[in-house]
Each structure stands twice: as C-alpha cells, then as structure tokens.
C-alpha cells in the first residue's frame, strides 16, 4: 500500500520543519531597508560596527538562518536535478521543437514542480 502524503510521517516531519522556518522568518524583522545604510558603514576590516536592538524572534531567526537557507538551497537543487526535461519521443508535427516531458513526473515540460520553484524564486 502506497503511503498517502497526509499520513506519511516523513512528509509530516518535513512539512513541520518548513512551516517552522517560514513562521520564524515571518516573525523576524526584515533588514532589507537597512542594508543600503549599513553597507556604507563597512570599516577597513570589512565589518560594520553597529549597535541595534533585536527582538527575541530576530535572535531565534538569526541563530539558524544560515544553516536553514543552505539546507533549503540544497533541497531546491536536488529537486531541480530530479525535475528536468527529456525528449518525450513519439511523432511530432514540428521536428525542431519536439515534445519534452519531465524525467521525474512525466508531465509535459515545464512540469508543475519546476514551475512552482521558478515562480517562487522569481518573486
């Protein structure tokens, strides 16, 4: 019997981890607007000597952010390696543009998985 994704404990564990990363990220403060100002403060040693107030949520996010971003990037690369195009074979009316399918899920290329990753990273 094939495990359904809603009852598979591995799926639930991974979903919980990704949801926790997303929640922790959403609670932390964005530094996007501060980076232009802070980049002008880089000293000759390559550091920015700053003093700031960080909320507990910011510290929780910063404590694991680097490792979590690396893990998520590796996950994305592995998924892209799985979901890539291949020639579908068969007869086509346009030999210069053969039909392609995803190697992993066999959907027509680009498959829904590839499109979801592309859309998420294109924001």
PDB file of N, CA and C in Angstrom:
ATOM      1  N   UNK A   1       0.844  -1.182   0.000  1.00  0.00           N
ATOM      2  CA  UNK A   1       0.000   0.000   0.000  1.00  0.00           C
ATOM      3  C   UNK A   1       0.888   1.243   0.000  1.00  0.00           C
ATOM      4  N   UNK A   2       0.649   2.138  -0.927  1.00  0.00           N
ATOM      5  CA  UNK A   2       1.429   3.363  -1.049  1.00  0.00           C
ATOM      6  C   UNK A   2       0.984   4.360   0.014  1.00  0.00           C
ATOM      7  N   UNK A   3       1.977   4.964   0.681  1.00  0.00           N
ATOM      8  CA  UNK A   3       1.660   5.911   1.747  1.00  0.00           C
ATOM      9  C   UNK A   3       1.145   7.218   1.165  1.00  0.00           C
ATOM     10  N   UNK A   4       0.035   7.676   1.679  1.00  0.00           N
ATOM     11  CA  UNK A   4      -0.515   8.962   1.278  1.00  0.00           C
ATOM     12  C   UNK A   4       0.310  10.058   1.940  1.00  0.00           C
ATOM     13  N   UNK A   5       0.475  11.200   1.261  1.00  0.00           N
ATOM     14  CA  UNK A   5       1.324  12.258   1.817  1.00  0.00           C
ATOM     15  C   UNK A   5       0.772  12.840   3.108  1.00  0.00           C
ATOM     16  N   UNK A   6      -0.520  12.691   3.338  1.00  0.00           N
ATOM     17  CA  UNK A   6      -1.091  13.209   4.576  1.00  0.00           C
ATOM     18  C   UNK A   6      -0.870  12.259   5.741  1.00  0.00           C
ATOM     19  N   UNK A   7      -0.575  10.981   5.482  1.00  0.00           N
ATOM     20  CA  UNK A   7      -0.349  10.030   6.559  1.00  0.00           C
ATOM     21  C   UNK A   7       1.111   9.612   6.669  1.00  0.00           C
ATOM     22  N   UNK A   8       1.936  10.005   5.741  1.00  0.00           N
ATOM     23  CA  UNK A   8       3.351   9.643   5.763  1.00  0.00           C
ATOM     24  C   UNK A   8       4.065  10.479   6.825  1.00  0.00           C
ATOM     25  N   UNK A   9       4.639   9.849   7.842  1.00  0.00           N
ATOM     26  CA  UNK A   9       5.293  10.615   8.910  1.00  0.00           C
ATOM     27  C   UNK A   9       6.486  11.422   8.407  1.00  0.00           C
ATOM     28  N   UNK A  10       7.154  10.958   7.372  1.00  0.00           N
ATOM     29  CA  UNK A  10       8.279  11.722   6.811  1.00  0.00           C
ATOM     30  C   UNK A  10       7.776  13.015   6.186  1.00  0.00           C
ATOM     31  N   UNK A  11       6.661  12.937   5.503  1.00  0.00           N
ATOM     32  CA  UNK A  11       6.065  14.132   4.898  1.00  0.00           C
ATOM     33  C   UNK A  11       5.663  15.119   5.991  1.00  0.00           C
ATOM     34  N   UNK A  12       5.023  14.603   7.026  1.00  0.00           N
ATOM     35  CA  UNK A  12       4.587  15.466   8.129  1.00  0.00           C
ATOM     36  C   UNK A  12       5.782  16.138   8.805  1.00  0.00           C
ATOM     37  N   UNK A  13       6.869  15.385   9.021  1.00  0.00           N
ATOM     38  CA  UNK A  13       8.060  15.942   9.664  1.00  0.00           C
ATOM     39  C   UNK A  13       8.685  17.046   8.818  1.00  0.00           C
ATOM     40  N   UNK A  14       8.807  16.803   7.514  1.00  0.00           N
ATOM     41  CA  UNK A  14       9.387  17.811   6.631  1.00  0.00           C
ATOM     42  C   UNK A  14       8.490  19.035   6.524  1.00  0.00           C
ATOM     43  N   UNK A  15       7.186  18.803   6.453  1.00  0.00           N
ATOM     44  CA  UNK A  15       6.239  19.912   6.375  1.00  0.00           C
ATOM     45  C   UNK A  15       6.316  20.770   7.633  1.00  0.00           C
ATOM     46  N   UNK A  16       6.430  20.128   8.795  1.00  0.00           N
ATOM     47  CA  UNK A  16       6.546  20.867  10.055  1.00  0.00           C
ATOM     48  C   UNK A  16       7.816  21.706  10.076  1.00  0.00           C
ATOM     49  N   UNK A  17       8.912  21.137   9.606  1.00  0.00           N
ATOM     50  CA  UNK A  17      10.177  21.872   9.604  1.00  0.00           C
ATOM     51  C   UNK A  17      10.103  23.084   8.674  1.00  0.00           C
ATOM     52  N   UNK A  18       9.554  22.889   7.479  1.00  0.00           N
ATOM     53  CA  UNK A  18       9.432  24.008   6.546  1.00  0.00           C
ATOM     54  C   UNK A  18       8.468  25.068   7.070  1.00  0.00           C
ATOM     55  N   UNK A  19       7.369  24.643   7.682  1.00  0.00           N
ATOM     56  CA  UNK A  19       6.435  25.604   8.267  1.00  0.00           C
ATOM     57  C   UNK A  19       7.083  26.381   9.408  1.00  0.00           C
ATOM     58  N   UNK A  20       7.915  25.721  10.210  1.00  0.00           N
ATOM     59  CA  UNK A  20       8.610  26.402  11.306  1.00  0.00           C
ATOM     60  C   UNK A  20       9.602  27.430  10.773  1.00  0.00           C
ATOM     61  N   UNK A  21      10.325  27.079   9.724  1.00  0.00           N
ATOM     62  CA  UNK A  21      11.262  28.027   9.116  1.00  0.00           C
ATOM     63  C   UNK A  21      10.501  29.236   8.582  1.00  0.00           C
ATOM     64  N   UNK A  22       9.399  28.976   7.898  1.00  0.00           N
ATOM     65  CA  UNK A  22       8.601  30.072   7.342  1.00  0.00           C
ATOM     66  C   UNK A  22       8.037  30.958   8.451  1.00  0.00           C
ATOM     67  N   UNK A  23       7.525  30.357   9.521  1.00  0.00           N
ATOM     68  CA  UNK A  23       6.954  31.133  10.625  1.00  0.00           C
ATOM     69  C   UNK A  23       8.022  31.955  11.332  1.00  0.00           C
ATOM     70  N   UNK A  24       9.185  31.357  11.588  1.00  0.00           N
ATOM     71  CA  UNK A  24      10.274  32.067  12.249  1.00  0.00           C
ATOM     72  C   UNK A  24      10.748  33.223  11.378  1.00  0.00           C
ATOM     73  N   UNK A  25      10.817  33.001  10.087  1.00  0.00           N
ATOM     74  CA  UNK A  25      11.236  34.053   9.162  1.00  0.00           C
ATOM     75  C   UNK A  25      10.231  35.197   9.144  1.00  0.00           C
ATOM     76  N   UNK A  26       8.952  34.864   9.123  1.00  0.00           N
ATOM     77  CA  UNK A  26       7.914  35.891   9.072  1.00  0.00           C
ATOM     78  C   UNK A  26       7.885  36.743  10.336  1.00  0.00           C
ATOM     79  N   UNK A  27       8.226  36.158  11.479  1.00  0.00           N
ATOM     80  CA  UNK A  27       8.209  36.897  12.739  1.00  0.00           C
ATOM     81  C   UNK A  27       9.418  37.807  12.902  1.00  0.00           C
ATOM     82  N   UNK A  28      10.507  37.520  12.209  1.00  0.00           N
ATOM     83  CA  UNK A  28      11.714  38.320  12.371  1.00  0.00           C
ATOM     84  C   UNK A  28      11.605  39.620  11.571  1.00  0.00           C
ATOM     85  N   UNK A  29      12.450  40.568  11.906  1.00  0.00           N
ATOM     86  CA  UNK A  29      12.461  41.868  11.252  1.00  0.00           C
ATOM     87  C   UNK A  29      13.267  41.803   9.970  1.00  0.00           C
ATOM     88  N   UNK A  30      12.737  42.385   8.919  1.00  0.00           N
ATOM     89  CA  UNK A  30      13.476  42.445   7.656  1.00  0.00           C
ATOM     90  C   UNK A  30      14.546  43.517   7.746  1.00  0.00           C
ATOM     91  N   UNK A  31      15.729  43.200   7.251  1.00  0.00           N
ATOM     92  CA  UNK A  31      16.830  44.159   7.241  1.00  0.00           C
ATOM     93  C   UNK A  31      17.010  44.769   5.863  1.00  0.00           C
ATOM     94  N   UNK A  32      16.118  44.487   4.939  1.00  0.00           N
ATOM     95  CA  UNK A  32      16.262  44.938   3.554  1.00  0.00           C
ATOM     96  C   UNK A  32      16.451  46.452   3.459  1.00  0.00           C
ATOM     97  N   UNK A  33      15.646  47.229   4.165  1.00  0.00           N
ATOM     98  CA  UNK A  33      15.754  48.690   4.059  1.00  0.00           C
ATOM     99  C   UNK A  33      17.000  49.221   4.752  1.00  0.00           C
ATOM    100  N   UNK A  34      17.513  48.489   5.725  1.00  0.00           N
ATOM    101  CA  UNK A  34      18.697  48.940   6.458  1.00  0.00           C
ATOM    102  C   UNK A  34      20.001  48.627   5.745  1.00  0.00           C
ATOM    103  N   UNK A  35      19.987  47.705   4.800  1.00  0.00           N
ATOM    104  CA  UNK A  35      21.255  47.254   4.214  1.00  0.00           C
ATOM    105  C   UNK A  35      21.963  48.341   3.409  1.00  0.00           C
ATOM    106  N   UNK A  36      21.225  49.228   2.738  1.00  0.00           N
ATOM    107  CA  UNK A  36      21.894  50.300   1.997  1.00  0.00           C
ATOM    108  C   UNK A  36      22.661  51.206   2.950  1.00  0.00           C
ATOM    109  N   UNK A  37      22.026  51.582   4.021  1.00  0.00           N
ATOM    110  CA  UNK A  37      22.693  52.429   5.016  1.00  0.00           C
ATOM    111  C   UNK A  37      23.863  51.694   5.660  1.00  0.00           C
ATOM    112  N   UNK A  38      23.653  50.456   6.058  1.00  0.00           N
ATOM    113  CA  UNK A  38      24.690  49.694   6.745  1.00  0.00           C
ATOM    114  C   UNK A  38      25.897  49.410   5.844  1.00  0.00           C
ATOM    115  N   UNK A  39      25.660  49.230   4.553  1.00  0.00           N
ATOM    116  CA  UNK A  39      26.779  48.945   3.659  1.00  0.00           C
ATOM    117  C   UNK A  39      27.751  50.117   3.572  1.00  0.00           C
ATOM    118  N   UNK A  40      27.286  51.320   3.844  1.00  0.00           N
ATOM    119  CA  UNK A  40      28.186  52.495   3.842  1.00  0.00           C
ATOM    120  C   UNK A  40      29.022  52.571   5.114  1.00  0.00           C
ATOM    121  N   UNK A  41      28.684  51.760   6.106  1.00  0.00           N
ATOM    122  CA  UNK A  41      29.402  51.792   7.377  1.00  0.00           C
ATOM    123  C   UNK A  41      30.503  50.733   7.477  1.00  0.00           C
ATOM    124  N   UNK A  42      30.751  49.995   6.414  1.00  0.00           N
ATOM    125  CA  UNK A  42      31.778  48.950   6.442  1.00  0.00           C
ATOM    126  C   UNK A  42      33.125  49.613   6.691  1.00  0.00           C
ATOM    127  N   UNK A  43      33.849  49.134   7.713  1.00  0.00           N
ATOM    128  CA  UNK A  43      35.147  49.721   8.034  1.00  0.00           C
ATOM    129  C   UNK A  43      36.255  49.048   7.225  1.00  0.00           C
ATOM    130  N   UNK A  44      37.496  49.463   7.442  1.00  0.00           N
ATOM    131  CA  UNK A  44      38.607  48.932   6.630  1.00  0.00           C
ATOM    132  C   UNK A  44      38.865  47.448   6.898  1.00  0.00           C
ATOM    133  N   UNK A  45      38.351  46.927   7.998  1.00  0.00           N
ATOM    134  CA  UNK A  45      38.479  45.497   8.292  1.00  0.00           C
ATOM    135  C   UNK A  45      37.354  44.679   7.654  1.00  0.00           C
ATOM    136  N   UNK A  46      36.407  45.367   7.003  1.00  0.00           N
ATOM    137  CA  UNK A  46      35.316  44.679   6.331  1.00  0.00           C
ATOM    138  C   UNK A  46      34.113  44.402   7.212  1.00  0.00           C
ATOM    139  N   UNK A  47      34.015  45.089   8.332  1.00  0.00           N
ATOM    140  CA  UNK A  47      32.908  44.873   9.257  1.00  0.00           C
ATOM    141  C   UNK A  47      32.104  46.155   9.433  1.00  0.00           C
ATOM    142  N   UNK A  48      30.864  45.992   9.878  1.00  0.00           N
ATOM    143  CA  UNK A  48      30.002  47.125  10.197  1.00  0.00           C
ATOM    144  C   UNK A  48      29.822  47.149  11.709  1.00  0.00           C
ATOM    145  N   UNK A  49      30.439  48.123  12.371  1.00  0.00           N
ATOM    146  CA  UNK A  49      30.276  48.217  13.826  1.00  0.00           C
ATOM    147  C   UNK A  49      28.923  48.872  14.143  1.00  0.00           C
ATOM    148  N   UNK A  50      27.942  48.052  14.506  1.00  0.00           N
ATOM    149  CA  UNK A  50      26.622  48.603  14.791  1.00  0.00           C
ATOM    150  C   UNK A  50      26.149  48.157  16.162  1.00  0.00           C
ATOM    151  N   UNK A  51      25.248  48.935  16.675  1.00  0.00           N
ATOM    152  CA  UNK A  51      24.530  48.568  17.886  1.00  0.00           C
ATOM    153  C   UNK A  51      23.061  48.618  17.516  1.00  0.00           C
ATOM    154  N   UNK A  52      22.349  47.572  17.842  1.00  0.00           N
ATOM    155  CA  UNK A  52      20.937  47.518  17.499  1.00  0.00           C
ATOM    156  C   UNK A  52      20.179  46.747  18.567  1.00  0.00           C
ATOM    157  N   UNK A  53      18.898  46.930  18.558  1.00  0.00           N
ATOM    158  CA  UNK A  53      18.037  46.184  19.453  1.00  0.00           C
ATOM    159  C   UNK A  53      17.384  45.076  18.643  1.00  0.00           C
ATOM    160  N   UNK A  54      17.554  43.866  19.108  1.00  0.00           N
ATOM    161  CA  UNK A  54      16.971  42.715  18.424  1.00  0.00           C
ATOM    162  C   UNK A  54      15.905  42.081  19.313  1.00  0.00           C
ATOM    163  N   UNK A  55      14.799  41.776  18.702  1.00  0.00           N
ATOM    164  CA  UNK A  55      13.728  41.084  19.426  1.00  0.00           C
ATOM    165  C   UNK A  55      14.090  39.609  19.567  1.00  0.00           C
ATOM    166  N   UNK A  56      13.444  38.935  20.475  1.00  0.00           N
ATOM    167  CA  UNK A  56      13.666  37.507  20.676  1.00  0.00           C
ATOM    168  C   UNK A  56      13.448  36.727  19.381  1.00  0.00           C
ATOM    169  N   UNK A  57      12.418  37.116  18.597  1.00  0.00           N
ATOM    170  CA  UNK A  57      12.131  36.456  17.325  1.00  0.00           C
ATOM    171  C   UNK A  57      13.276  36.641  16.329  1.00  0.00           C
ATOM    172  N   UNK A  58      13.889  37.840  16.344  1.00  0.00           N
ATOM    173  CA  UNK A  58      15.022  38.099  15.454  1.00  0.00           C
ATOM    174  C   UNK A  58      16.197  37.191  15.795  1.00  0.00           C
ATOM    175  N   UNK A  59      16.477  37.042  17.086  1.00  0.00           N
ATOM    176  CA  UNK A  59      17.583  36.179  17.504  1.00  0.00           C
ATOM    177  C   UNK A  59      17.317  34.717  17.159  1.00  0.00           C
ATOM    178  N   UNK A  60      16.075  34.278  17.350  1.00  0.00           N
ATOM    179  CA  UNK A  60      15.727  32.895  17.012  1.00  0.00           C
ATOM    180  C   UNK A  60      15.916  32.660  15.511  1.00  0.00           C
ATOM    181  N   UNK A  61      15.521  33.623  14.712  1.00  0.00           N
ATOM    182  CA  UNK A  61      15.689  33.501  13.265  1.00  0.00           C
ATOM    183  C   UNK A  61      17.165  33.506  12.881  1.00  0.00           C
ATOM    184  N   UNK A  62      17.910  34.466  13.395  1.00  0.00           N
ATOM    185  CA  UNK A  62      19.321  34.599  13.032  1.00  0.00           C
ATOM    186  C   UNK A  62      20.154  33.405  13.492  1.00  0.00           C
ATOM    187  N   UNK A  63      19.752  32.770  14.579  1.00  0.00           N
ATOM    188  CA  UNK A  63      20.520  31.637  15.109  1.00  0.00           C
ATOM    189  C   UNK A  63      20.615  30.494  14.110  1.00  0.00           C
ATOM    190  N   UNK A  64      19.558  30.254  13.350  1.00  0.00           N
ATOM    191  CA  UNK A  64      19.584  29.127  12.428  1.00  0.00           C
ATOM    192  C   UNK A  64      19.439  29.499  10.971  1.00  0.00           C
ATOM    193  N   UNK A  65      19.370  30.786  10.666  1.00  0.00           N
ATOM    194  CA  UNK A  65      19.064  31.222   9.297  1.00  0.00           C
ATOM    195  C   UNK A  65      20.077  30.717   8.278  1.00  0.00           C
ATOM    196  N   UNK A  66      21.335  30.826   8.557  1.00  0.00           N
ATOM    197  CA  UNK A  66      22.355  30.421   7.587  1.00  0.00           C
ATOM    198  C   UNK A  66      22.225  28.941   7.239  1.00  0.00           C
ATOM    199  N   UNK A  67      22.144  28.099   8.267  1.00  0.00           N
ATOM    200  CA  UNK A  67      22.046  26.658   8.033  1.00  0.00           C
ATOM    201  C   UNK A  67      20.739  26.293   7.329  1.00  0.00           C
ATOM    202  N   UNK A  68      19.657  26.969   7.687  1.00  0.00           N
ATOM    203  CA  UNK A  68      18.375  26.675   7.063  1.00  0.00           C
ATOM    204  C   UNK A  68      18.345  27.113   5.599  1.00  0.00           C
ATOM    205  N   UNK A  69      18.936  28.258   5.292  1.00  0.00           N
ATOM    206  CA  UNK A  69      18.987  28.712   3.903  1.00  0.00           C
ATOM    207  C   UNK A  69      19.838  27.762   3.070  1.00  0.00           C
ATOM    208  N   UNK A  70      20.964  27.320   3.608  1.00  0.00           N
ATOM    209  CA  UNK A  70      21.804  26.351   2.891  1.00  0.00           C
ATOM    210  C   UNK A  70      21.026  25.057   2.636  1.00  0.00           C
ATOM    211  N   UNK A  71      20.327  24.560   3.663  1.00  0.00           N
ATOM    212  CA  UNK A  71      19.558  23.321   3.508  1.00  0.00           C
ATOM    213  C   UNK A  71      18.447  23.486   2.473  1.00  0.00           C
ATOM    214  N   UNK A  72      17.759  24.622   2.496  1.00  0.00           N
ATOM    215  CA  UNK A  72      16.691  24.848   1.529  1.00  0.00           C
ATOM    216  C   UNK A  72      17.249  25.001   0.110  1.00  0.00           C
ATOM    217  N   UNK A  73      18.401  25.642  -0.031  1.00  0.00           N
ATOM    218  CA  UNK A  73      19.018  25.764  -1.349  1.00  0.00           C
ATOM    219  C   UNK A  73      19.435  24.390  -1.874  1.00  0.00           C
ATOM    220  N   UNK A  74      20.003  23.564  -1.009  1.00  0.00           N
ATOM    221  CA  UNK A  74      20.372  22.201  -1.421  1.00  0.00           C
ATOM    222  C   UNK A  74      19.140  21.407  -1.826  1.00  0.00           C
ATOM    223  N   UNK A  75      18.058  21.568  -1.089  1.00  0.00           N
ATOM    224  CA  UNK A  75      16.805  20.911  -1.436  1.00  0.00           C
ATOM    225  C   UNK A  75      16.334  21.357  -2.818  1.00  0.00           C
ATOM    226  N   UNK A  76      16.370  22.658  -3.060  1.00  0.00           N
ATOM    227  CA  UNK A  76      15.952  23.173  -4.356  1.00  0.00           C
ATOM    228  C   UNK A  76      16.792  22.620  -5.495  1.00  0.00           C
ATOM    229  N   UNK A  77      18.100  22.533  -5.294  1.00  0.00           N
ATOM    230  CA  UNK A  77      18.981  21.989  -6.321  1.00  0.00           C
ATOM    231  C   UNK A  77      18.664  20.518  -6.570  1.00  0.00           C
ATOM    232  N   UNK A  78      18.439  19.763  -5.513  1.00  0.00           N
ATOM    233  CA  UNK A  78      18.116  18.339  -5.679  1.00  0.00           C
ATOM    234  C   UNK A  78      16.788  18.142  -6.409  1.00  0.00           C
ATOM    235  N   UNK A  79      15.808  18.976  -6.093  1.00  0.00           N
ATOM    236  CA  UNK A  79      14.520  18.879  -6.784  1.00  0.00           C
ATOM    237  C   UNK A  79      14.688  19.245  -8.255  1.00  0.00           C
ATOM    238  N   UNK A  80      15.466  20.294  -8.534  1.00  0.00           N
ATOM    239  CA  UNK A  80      15.713  20.663  -9.929  1.00  0.00           C
ATOM    240  C   UNK A  80      16.451  19.562 -10.681  1.00  0.00           C
ATOM    241  N   UNK A  81      17.377  18.895  -9.999  1.00  0.00           N
ATOM    242  CA  UNK A  81      18.080  17.779 -10.642  1.00  0.00           C
ATOM    243  C   UNK A  81      17.129  16.640 -10.995  1.00  0.00           C
ATOM    244  N   UNK A  82      16.107  16.436 -10.174  1.00  0.00           N
ATOM    245  CA  UNK A  82      15.121  15.395 -10.452  1.00  0.00           C
ATOM    246  C   UNK A  82      14.147  15.818 -11.545  1.00  0.00           C
ATOM    247  N   UNK A  83      13.688  17.046 -11.471  1.00  0.00           N
ATOM    248  CA  UNK A  83      12.672  17.547 -12.402  1.00  0.00           C
ATOM    249  C   UNK A  83      13.348  18.354 -13.501  1.00  0.00           C
ATOM    250  N   UNK A  84      13.744  17.656 -14.537  1.00  0.00           N
ATOM    251  CA  UNK A  84      14.368  18.302 -15.698  1.00  0.00           C
ATOM    252  C   UNK A  84      13.795  17.676 -16.961  1.00  0.00           C
ATOM    253  N   UNK A  85      13.911  18.373 -18.071  1.00  0.00           N
ATOM    254  CA  UNK A  85      13.260  17.895 -19.292  1.00  0.00           C
ATOM    255  C   UNK A  85      14.003  16.743 -19.960  1.00  0.00           C
ATOM    256  N   UNK A  86      13.230  15.971 -20.685  1.00  0.00           N
ATOM    257  CA  UNK A  86      13.787  14.933 -21.550  1.00  0.00           C
ATOM    258  C   UNK A  86      12.899  14.840 -22.780  1.00  0.00           C
ATOM    259  N   UNK A  87      13.454  14.342 -23.851  1.00  0.00           N
ATOM    260  CA  UNK A  87      12.680  14.135 -25.070  1.00  0.00           C
ATOM    261  C   UNK A  87      11.585  13.123 -24.774  1.00  0.00           C
ATOM    262  N   UNK A  88      10.376  13.412 -25.196  1.00  0.00           N
ATOM    263  CA  UNK A  88       9.261  12.512 -24.933  1.00  0.00           C
ATOM    264  C   UNK A  88       9.179  11.398 -25.964  1.00  0.00           C
ATOM    265  N   UNK A  89       9.863  11.587 -27.071  1.00  0.00           N
ATOM    266  CA  UNK A  89       9.775  10.576 -28.125  1.00  0.00           C
ATOM    267  C   UNK A  89       8.453  10.688 -28.851  1.00  0.00           C
ATOM    268  N   UNK A  90       8.222   9.782 -29.716  1.00  0.00           N
ATOM    269  CA  UNK A  90       6.962   9.786 -30.449  1.00  0.00           C
ATOM    270  C   UNK A  90       7.009  10.698 -31.662  1.00  0.00           C
ATOM    271  N   UNK A  91       5.898  10.787 -32.321  1.00  0.00           N
ATOM    272  CA  UNK A  91       5.786  11.567 -33.552  1.00  0.00           C
ATOM    273  C   UNK A  91       5.360  12.983 -33.194  1.00  0.00           C
ATOM    274  N   UNK A  92       5.995  13.952 -33.830  1.00  0.00           N
ATOM    275  CA  UNK A  92       5.648  15.353 -33.610  1.00  0.00           C
ATOM    276  C   UNK A  92       5.510  16.051 -34.951  1.00  0.00           C
ATOM    277  N   UNK A  93       4.679  17.053 -34.994  1.00  0.00           N
ATOM    278  CA  UNK A  93       4.486  17.794 -36.239  1.00  0.00           C
ATOM    279  C   UNK A  93       5.591  18.816 -36.464  1.00  0.00           C
ATOM    280  N   UNK A  94       6.360  19.121 -35.428  1.00  0.00           N
ATOM    281  CA  UNK A  94       7.446  20.089 -35.540  1.00  0.00           C
ATOM    282  C   UNK A  94       8.744  19.451 -35.057  1.00  0.00           C
ATOM    283  N   UNK A  95       9.549  18.887 -35.975  1.00  0.00           N
ATOM    284  CA  UNK A  95      10.780  18.210 -35.554  1.00  0.00           C
ATOM    285  C   UNK A  95      11.795  19.128 -34.878  1.00  0.00           C
ATOM    286  N   UNK A  96      11.698  20.448 -35.122  1.00  0.00           N
ATOM    287  CA  UNK A  96      12.623  21.390 -34.468  1.00  0.00           C
ATOM    288  C   UNK A  96      12.229  21.671 -33.016  1.00  0.00           C
ATOM    289  N   UNK A  97      11.009  21.378 -32.648  1.00  0.00           N
ATOM    290  CA  UNK A  97      10.532  21.580 -31.272  1.00  0.00           C
ATOM    291  C   UNK A  97       9.849  20.312 -30.779  1.00  0.00           C
ATOM    292  N   UNK A  98      10.618  19.283 -30.465  1.00  0.00           N
ATOM    293  CA  UNK A  98       9.994  18.031 -30.014  1.00  0.00           C
ATOM    294  C   UNK A  98       9.315  18.207 -28.657  1.00  0.00           C
ATOM    295  N   UNK A  99       8.332  17.368 -28.412  1.00  0.00           N
ATOM    296  CA  UNK A  99       7.629  17.384 -27.123  1.00  0.00           C
ATOM    297  C   UNK A  99       8.602  16.894 -26.054  1.00  0.00           C
ATOM    298  N   UNK A 100       8.645  17.631 -24.945  1.00  0.00           N
ATOM    299  CA  UNK A 100       9.508  17.224 -23.835  1.00  0.00           C
ATOM    300  C   UNK A 100       8.653  16.965 -22.609  1.00  0.00           C
ATOM    301  N   UNK A 101       9.113  16.029 -21.797  1.00  0.00           N
ATOM    302  CA  UNK A 101       8.451  15.687 -20.540  1.00  0.00           C
ATOM    303  C   UNK A 101       9.474  15.728 -19.409  1.00  0.00           C
ATOM    304  N   UNK A 102       8.959  15.858 -18.195  1.00  0.00           N
ATOM    305  CA  UNK A 102       9.823  15.855 -17.010  1.00  0.00           C
ATOM    306  C   UNK A 102      10.319  14.436 -16.754  1.00  0.00           C
ATOM    307  N   UNK A 103      11.588  14.306 -16.446  1.00  0.00           N
ATOM    308  CA  UNK A 103      12.172  12.984 -16.163  1.00  0.00           C
ATOM    309  C   UNK A 103      11.562  12.335 -14.922  1.00  0.00           C
ATOM    310  N   UNK A 104      11.167  13.133 -13.946  1.00  0.00           N
ATOM    311  CA  UNK A 104      10.679  12.581 -12.678  1.00  0.00           C
ATOM    312  C   UNK A 104       9.181  12.284 -12.692  1.00  0.00           C
ATOM    313  N   UNK A 105       8.380  13.246 -13.122  1.00  0.00           N
ATOM    314  CA  UNK A 105       6.924  13.076 -13.002  1.00  0.00           C
ATOM    315  C   UNK A 105       6.234  12.828 -14.338  1.00  0.00           C
ATOM    316  N   UNK A 106       6.959  12.971 -15.416  1.00  0.00           N
ATOM    317  CA  UNK A 106       6.484  12.717 -16.772  1.00  0.00           C
ATOM    318  C   UNK A 106       5.392  13.680 -17.251  1.00  0.00           C
ATOM    319  N   UNK A 107       5.182  14.782 -16.541  1.00  0.00           N
ATOM    320  CA  UNK A 107       4.282  15.822 -17.043  1.00  0.00           C
ATOM    321  C   UNK A 107       4.964  16.506 -18.217  1.00  0.00           C
ATOM    322  N   UNK A 108       4.169  17.161 -19.068  1.00  0.00           N
ATOM    323  CA  UNK A 108       4.770  17.950 -20.150  1.00  0.00           C
ATOM    324  C   UNK A 108       5.626  19.043 -19.545  1.00  0.00           C
ATOM    325  N   UNK A 109       6.734  19.309 -20.210  1.00  0.00           N
ATOM    326  CA  UNK A 109       7.691  20.299 -19.711  1.00  0.00           C
ATOM    327  C   UNK A 109       7.236  21.700 -20.074  1.00  0.00           C
ATOM    328  N   UNK A 110       7.338  22.659 -19.173  1.00  0.00           N
ATOM    329  CA  UNK A 110       7.824  22.542 -17.799  1.00  0.00           C
ATOM    330  C   UNK A 110       6.751  21.972 -16.879  1.00  0.00           C
ATOM    331  N   UNK A 111       7.173  21.061 -16.015  1.00  0.00           N
ATOM    332  CA  UNK A 111       6.242  20.374 -15.122  1.00  0.00           C
ATOM    333  C   UNK A 111       5.800  21.316 -13.988  1.00  0.00           C
ATOM    334  N   UNK A 112       4.732  20.978 -13.276  1.00  0.00           N
ATOM    335  CA  UNK A 112       4.253  21.824 -12.184  1.00  0.00           C
ATOM    336  C   UNK A 112       5.302  22.067 -11.096  1.00  0.00           C
ATOM    337  N   UNK A 113       6.132  21.085 -10.806  1.00  0.00           N
ATOM    338  CA  UNK A 113       7.171  21.256  -9.780  1.00  0.00           C
ATOM    339  C   UNK A 113       8.177  22.308 -10.215  1.00  0.00           C
ATOM    340  N   UNK A 114       8.644  22.210 -11.452  1.00  0.00           N
ATOM    341  CA  UNK A 114       9.598  23.192 -11.962  1.00  0.00           C
ATOM    342  C   UNK A 114       8.971  24.580 -11.983  1.00  0.00           C
ATOM    343  N   UNK A 115       7.711  24.679 -12.424  1.00  0.00           N
ATOM    344  CA  UNK A 115       7.050  25.990 -12.473  1.00  0.00           C
ATOM    345  C   UNK A 115       6.893  26.585 -11.079  1.00  0.00           C
ATOM    346  N   UNK A 116       6.576  25.749 -10.090  1.00  0.00           N
ATOM    347  CA  UNK A 116       6.411  26.248  -8.721  1.00  0.00           C
ATOM    348  C   UNK A 116       7.725  26.811  -8.184  1.00  0.00           C
ATOM    349  N   UNK A 117       8.825  26.106  -8.430  1.00  0.00           N
ATOM    350  CA  UNK A 117      10.137  26.589  -7.980  1.00  0.00           C
ATOM    351  C   UNK A 117      10.491  27.871  -8.714  1.00  0.00           C
ATOM    352  N   UNK A 118      10.269  27.886 -10.024  1.00  0.00           N
ATOM    353  CA  UNK A 118      10.588  29.050 -10.837  1.00  0.00           C
ATOM    354  C   UNK A 118       9.795  30.272 -10.376  1.00  0.00           C
ATOM    355  N   UNK A 119       8.499  30.092 -10.129  1.00  0.00           N
ATOM    356  CA  UNK A 119       7.653  31.194  -9.673  1.00  0.00           C
ATOM    357  C   UNK A 119       8.060  31.688  -8.284  1.00  0.00           C
ATOM    358  N   UNK A 120       8.416  30.762  -7.396  1.00  0.00           N
ATOM    359  CA  UNK A 120       8.808  31.145  -6.034  1.00  0.00           C
ATOM    360  C   UNK A 120      10.092  31.959  -6.030  1.00  0.00           C
ATOM    361  N   UNK A 121      11.049  31.565  -6.855  1.00  0.00           N
ATOM    362  CA  UNK A 121      12.343  32.250  -6.870  1.00  0.00           C
ATOM    363  C   UNK A 121      12.324  33.492  -7.734  1.00  0.00           C
ATOM    364  N   UNK A 122      11.305  33.658  -8.567  1.00  0.00           N
ATOM    365  CA  UNK A 122      11.225  34.801  -9.469  1.00  0.00           C
ATOM    366  C   UNK A 122      10.566  36.006  -8.810  1.00  0.00           C
ATOM    367  N   UNK A 123      10.127  35.869  -7.584  1.00  0.00           N
ATOM    368  CA  UNK A 123       9.450  36.973  -6.877  1.00  0.00           C
ATOM    369  C   UNK A 123      10.400  38.099  -6.576  1.00  0.00           C
TER     370      UNK A 123
END
